């Protein structure tokens, strides 16, 4: 499935575009990055705008720092302990490769995390009852 990344990047806000261009390159497909860089240069941001975008990105990183990633990693460890190989069998290759791939994987990991925690709680409650 091919996407018209130029149209996708045209719809992005300045902040989103800045995060894509200045974020980790391996988060996006090469064609998406090229389209984002073209749109970024086409918008011709002023120095003041760039500073504002950088501050917004830093603020976002500080507020999100460690919270979701640590919870996901802990959930993955629990899930892998009870269901070995389940994350690797679900995520690679089974999800479409597009610009939303990273977000889709995070959502899937959150679902699996909370599912595993729920299963563990049910197990312990059943042990207490019986």
Protein backbone atom coordinates (compact mmCIF):
# COMPACT_ATOMS: atom_id res chain seq x y z
CA UNK A 1 0.00 0.00 0.00
CA UNK A 2 1.49 3.30 -1.04
CA UNK A 3 0.70 6.63 0.53
CA UNK A 4 0.94 10.10 -0.87
CA UNK A 5 3.19 11.44 1.87
CA UNK A 6 3.26 14.90 0.33
CA UNK A 7 -0.47 15.33 1.05
CA UNK A 8 -0.02 13.84 4.51
CA UNK A 9 2.77 16.28 5.36
CA UNK A 10 0.78 19.22 4.00
CA UNK A 11 -1.89 18.45 6.60
CA UNK A 12 0.59 18.35 9.49
CA UNK A 13 0.82 21.24 11.91
CA UNK A 14 4.10 23.12 12.22
CA UNK A 15 4.80 21.38 15.52
CA UNK A 16 4.13 17.91 14.11
CA UNK A 17 6.29 18.61 11.08
CA UNK A 18 9.12 19.90 13.26
CA UNK A 19 8.97 16.75 15.41
CA UNK A 20 9.10 14.49 12.35
CA UNK A 21 12.04 16.30 10.75
CA UNK A 22 14.03 16.66 13.99
CA UNK A 23 13.05 13.34 15.59
CA UNK A 24 14.61 9.91 15.16
CA UNK A 25 14.90 9.09 11.47
CA UNK A 26 14.05 5.42 11.96
CA UNK A 27 10.52 6.28 13.17
CA UNK A 28 9.34 6.96 9.61
CA UNK A 29 9.74 5.54 6.14
CA UNK A 30 12.33 7.23 3.94
CA UNK A 31 9.70 8.59 1.53
CA UNK A 32 7.73 10.07 4.43
CA UNK A 33 10.87 11.76 5.77
CA UNK A 34 11.69 13.20 2.37
CA UNK A 35 8.17 14.59 2.01
CA UNK A 36 8.35 16.04 5.54
CA UNK A 37 11.72 17.69 4.80
CA UNK A 38 10.39 19.18 1.56
CA UNK A 39 7.33 20.60 3.31
CA UNK A 40 9.50 21.83 6.19
CA UNK A 41 11.76 23.77 3.84
CA UNK A 42 8.76 25.02 1.82
CA UNK A 43 7.19 26.59 4.93
CA UNK A 44 10.37 28.64 5.45
CA UNK A 45 10.16 29.09 9.23
CA UNK A 46 11.64 32.19 10.80
CA UNK A 47 14.25 31.89 13.54
CA UNK A 48 11.67 32.89 16.14
CA UNK A 49 9.24 30.22 14.91
CA UNK A 50 11.98 27.57 15.05
CA UNK A 51 12.84 28.54 18.62
CA UNK A 52 9.18 28.32 19.59
CA UNK A 53 8.81 24.90 17.95
CA UNK A 54 11.96 23.66 19.66
CA UNK A 55 10.66 24.82 23.07
CA UNK A 56 7.34 23.07 22.45
CA UNK A 57 9.12 19.84 21.54
CA UNK A 58 11.39 20.02 24.61
CA UNK A 59 8.40 20.71 26.86
CA UNK A 60 6.54 17.74 25.39
CA UNK A 61 9.56 15.49 25.90
CA UNK A 62 9.92 16.59 29.52
CA UNK A 63 6.26 15.95 30.35
CA UNK A 64 6.27 12.56 28.64
CA UNK A 65 9.72 11.57 29.83
CA UNK A 66 9.79 8.05 31.18
CA UNK A 67 6.10 7.68 32.00
CA UNK A 68 4.63 5.69 29.12
CA UNK A 69 7.84 4.02 28.01
CA UNK A 70 8.62 2.64 31.48
CA UNK A 71 5.09 1.33 31.88
CA UNK A 72 5.15 -0.29 28.46
CA UNK A 73 8.52 -1.92 29.12
CA UNK A 74 7.34 -3.28 32.48
CA UNK A 75 4.15 -4.56 30.89
CA UNK A 76 6.10 -6.18 28.09
CA UNK A 77 8.32 -7.95 30.60
CA UNK A 78 5.30 -9.30 32.47
CA UNK A 79 3.61 -10.31 29.24
CA UNK A 80 6.73 -12.03 27.93
CA UNK A 81 7.10 -13.92 31.20
CA UNK A 82 3.60 -15.42 31.00
CA UNK A 83 3.25 -15.60 27.21
CA UNK A 84 6.75 -15.99 25.73
CA UNK A 85 7.12 -14.65 22.21
CA UNK A 86 3.66 -13.09 21.99
CA UNK A 87 4.84 -9.54 21.33
CA UNK A 88 7.25 -10.63 18.61
CA UNK A 89 4.61 -12.81 17.00
CA UNK A 90 2.01 -10.02 16.92
CA UNK A 91 3.93 -6.86 16.05
CA UNK A 92 6.52 -7.52 13.33
CA UNK A 93 5.11 -7.93 9.87
CA UNK A 94 1.49 -8.09 10.98
CA UNK A 95 1.01 -4.33 11.10
CA UNK A 96 0.96 -2.10 8.02
CA UNK A 97 4.06 -0.03 7.40
CA UNK A 98 2.93 3.56 7.23
CA UNK A 99 3.49 6.78 9.12
CA UNK A 100 1.19 5.57 11.92
CA UNK A 101 3.11 2.33 12.47
CA UNK A 102 4.88 3.54 15.61
CA UNK A 103 1.66 4.81 17.17
CA UNK A 104 -0.13 1.59 16.30
CA UNK A 105 2.57 -0.46 17.97
CA UNK A 106 2.43 1.69 21.11
CA UNK A 107 -1.33 1.27 21.31
CA UNK A 108 -1.01 -2.47 20.83
CA UNK A 109 1.64 -2.69 23.54
CA UNK A 110 -0.57 -0.72 25.94
CA UNK A 111 -3.48 -3.06 25.25
CA UNK A 112 -1.30 -6.10 25.77
CA UNK A 113 0.14 -4.60 28.94
CA UNK A 114 -3.22 -3.94 30.55
CA UNK A 115 -4.56 -7.29 29.36
CA UNK A 116 -1.65 -9.08 31.01
CA UNK A 117 -2.08 -7.11 34.23
CA UNK A 118 -5.78 -7.94 34.23
CA UNK A 119 -5.06 -11.64 33.70
CA UNK A 120 -2.59 -11.65 36.57
CA UNK A 121 -5.08 -9.92 38.89
CA UNK A 122 -7.79 -12.43 37.95
CA UNK A 123 -5.37 -15.30 38.56
CA UNK A 124 -4.47 -14.05 42.04
CA UNK A 125 -8.12 -13.41 42.90
CA UNK A 126 -9.00 -16.95 41.85
CA UNK A 127 -6.13 -18.28 43.96
CA UNK A 128 -7.44 -16.38 46.97
CA UNK A 129 -10.99 -17.60 46.47
CA UNK A 130 -10.18 -21.24 45.81
